[in-house]
C-alpha cells in the first residue's frame, strides 16, 4: 500500500493489498478500500466509493503541481483556513526564494 502526502485515514479502515491512496485524500472510518483513491478525494463505505472531492479540480491540480509537501510550512504565515489563499501565499514565497526542506542526517550511536 502507498499513502500520499497529507492523507487522513479513519479508525478501522481495511485496505486491499497494493492500494494507492493519493495525496490529500480522506478515508472515512470503517471503510473497506478495494480500489485506488484519487488525490483529494473523500471516500467511505463498504466497498469505499468517492463521496465528494475536497476541492474543485483546478485547485486540486494546482496543489499537486506545487508539491507543497516539499517545504517546511511550520512558522510560515499561511492562511490555512483558505486553501486558495494559502497556495497563493506559498507560491509567492517560493518565487521569492523559499527552498524545499532538506533534513540533515543524524547519526545515532549506542
Protein backbone atom coordinates (compact mmCIF):
# COMPACT_ATOMS: atom_id res chain seq x y z
CA UNK A 1 0.00 0.00 0.00
CA UNK A 2 1.16 3.52 -0.74
CA UNK A 3 -0.08 6.63 1.04
CA UNK A 4 0.33 10.07 -0.49
CA UNK A 5 1.08 13.21 1.48
CA UNK A 6 -1.43 14.66 3.97
CA UNK A 7 -3.74 11.61 3.94
CA UNK A 8 -6.28 11.11 6.73
CA UNK A 9 -7.43 7.56 7.48
CA UNK A 10 -10.26 6.97 9.94
CA UNK A 11 -10.38 4.19 12.54
CA UNK A 12 -10.95 0.61 11.45
CA UNK A 13 -10.26 1.10 7.73
CA UNK A 14 -9.29 -2.01 5.77
CA UNK A 15 -7.24 -1.87 2.55
CA UNK A 16 -6.88 -4.49 -0.17
CA UNK A 17 -3.21 -5.17 -0.97
CA UNK A 18 -1.49 -2.92 -3.50
CA UNK A 19 -3.79 0.06 -2.97
CA UNK A 20 -2.58 3.64 -3.52
CA UNK A 21 -4.21 6.48 -1.60
CA UNK A 22 -3.49 9.80 -3.28
CA UNK A 23 -2.23 12.98 -1.66
CA UNK A 24 -4.79 14.85 0.41
CA UNK A 25 -7.34 12.03 0.40
CA UNK A 26 -9.67 11.32 3.31
CA UNK A 27 -10.81 7.75 4.05
CA UNK A 28 -13.83 7.54 6.35
CA UNK A 29 -13.77 5.32 9.43
CA UNK A 30 -14.77 1.72 8.81
CA UNK A 31 -14.30 1.92 5.03
CA UNK A 32 -13.13 -1.09 3.03
CA UNK A 33 -10.87 0.25 0.27
CA UNK A 34 -10.74 -2.08 -2.74
CA UNK A 35 -9.64 0.44 -5.41
CA UNK A 36 -7.05 3.21 -5.59
CA UNK A 37 -8.16 6.52 -4.08
CA UNK A 38 -7.58 9.64 -6.17
CA UNK A 39 -5.80 12.69 -4.72
CA UNK A 40 -8.05 14.96 -2.64
CA UNK A 41 -11.00 12.52 -2.77
CA UNK A 42 -13.18 11.79 0.25
CA UNK A 43 -14.17 8.12 0.25
CA UNK A 44 -16.19 5.91 2.55
CA UNK A 45 -18.37 2.84 2.70
CA UNK A 46 -18.12 -0.89 2.04
CA UNK A 47 -16.70 -1.02 -0.54
CA UNK A 48 -15.34 2.53 -0.40
CA UNK A 49 -16.67 4.93 -3.00
CA UNK A 50 -15.96 8.59 -3.62
CA UNK A 51 -18.35 10.72 -1.57
CA UNK A 52 -17.07 14.02 -2.94
CA UNK A 53 -13.94 15.99 -3.72
CA UNK A 54 -12.24 18.13 -1.08
CA UNK A 55 -11.58 20.88 -3.63
CA UNK A 56 -12.53 21.85 -7.18
CA UNK A 57 -10.49 20.29 -9.99
CA UNK A 58 -8.42 23.41 -10.75
CA UNK A 59 -7.30 23.74 -7.10
CA UNK A 60 -6.52 20.00 -6.86
CA UNK A 61 -4.29 20.30 -9.92
CA UNK A 62 -2.57 23.42 -8.55
CA UNK A 63 -1.93 21.80 -5.16
CA UNK A 64 -0.40 18.72 -6.75
CA UNK A 65 1.71 20.80 -9.15
CA UNK A 66 3.02 22.96 -6.29
CA UNK A 67 4.43 19.95 -4.40
CA UNK A 68 3.76 21.94 -1.21
CA UNK A 69 4.79 18.95 0.94
CA UNK A 70 8.42 19.51 -0.04
CA UNK A 71 8.52 22.72 2.03
CA UNK A 72 8.74 23.23 5.78
CA UNK A 73 5.49 25.11 6.40
CA UNK A 74 5.87 25.48 10.16
CA UNK A 75 6.39 29.08 11.13
CA UNK A 76 5.23 30.43 7.78
CA UNK A 77 2.34 32.88 7.89
CA UNK A 78 -0.07 30.98 5.61
CA UNK A 79 -3.87 31.22 5.83
CA UNK A 80 -4.76 27.51 6.03
CA UNK A 81 -8.45 28.39 6.51
CA UNK A 82 -8.46 29.42 2.85
CA UNK A 83 -6.60 26.83 0.69
CA UNK A 84 -6.55 29.03 -2.42
CA UNK A 85 -5.02 31.91 -0.47
CA UNK A 86 -2.50 29.67 1.32
CA UNK A 87 -1.37 28.21 -2.00
CA UNK A 88 -1.02 31.70 -3.49
CA UNK A 89 1.00 32.82 -0.46
CA UNK A 90 3.25 29.76 -0.70
CA UNK A 91 3.79 30.23 -4.43
CA UNK A 92 4.82 33.84 -3.78
CA UNK A 93 7.31 32.69 -1.11
CA UNK A 94 8.74 30.10 -3.50
CA UNK A 95 9.10 32.82 -6.13
CA UNK A 96 10.97 34.90 -3.56
CA UNK A 97 13.45 32.09 -2.87
CA UNK A 98 11.87 29.67 -0.39
CA UNK A 99 13.75 26.41 -0.84
CA UNK A 100 12.49 22.83 -0.37
CA UNK A 101 13.16 21.40 3.07
CA UNK A 102 16.19 19.11 3.19
CA UNK A 103 16.52 17.49 6.61
CA UNK A 104 20.01 16.69 7.79
CA UNK A 105 21.09 13.13 8.52
CA UNK A 106 21.55 12.34 12.17
CA UNK A 107 23.81 9.51 13.26
CA UNK A 108 22.74 7.77 16.45
CA UNK A 109 25.36 5.76 18.34
CA UNK A 110 24.88 3.45 21.29
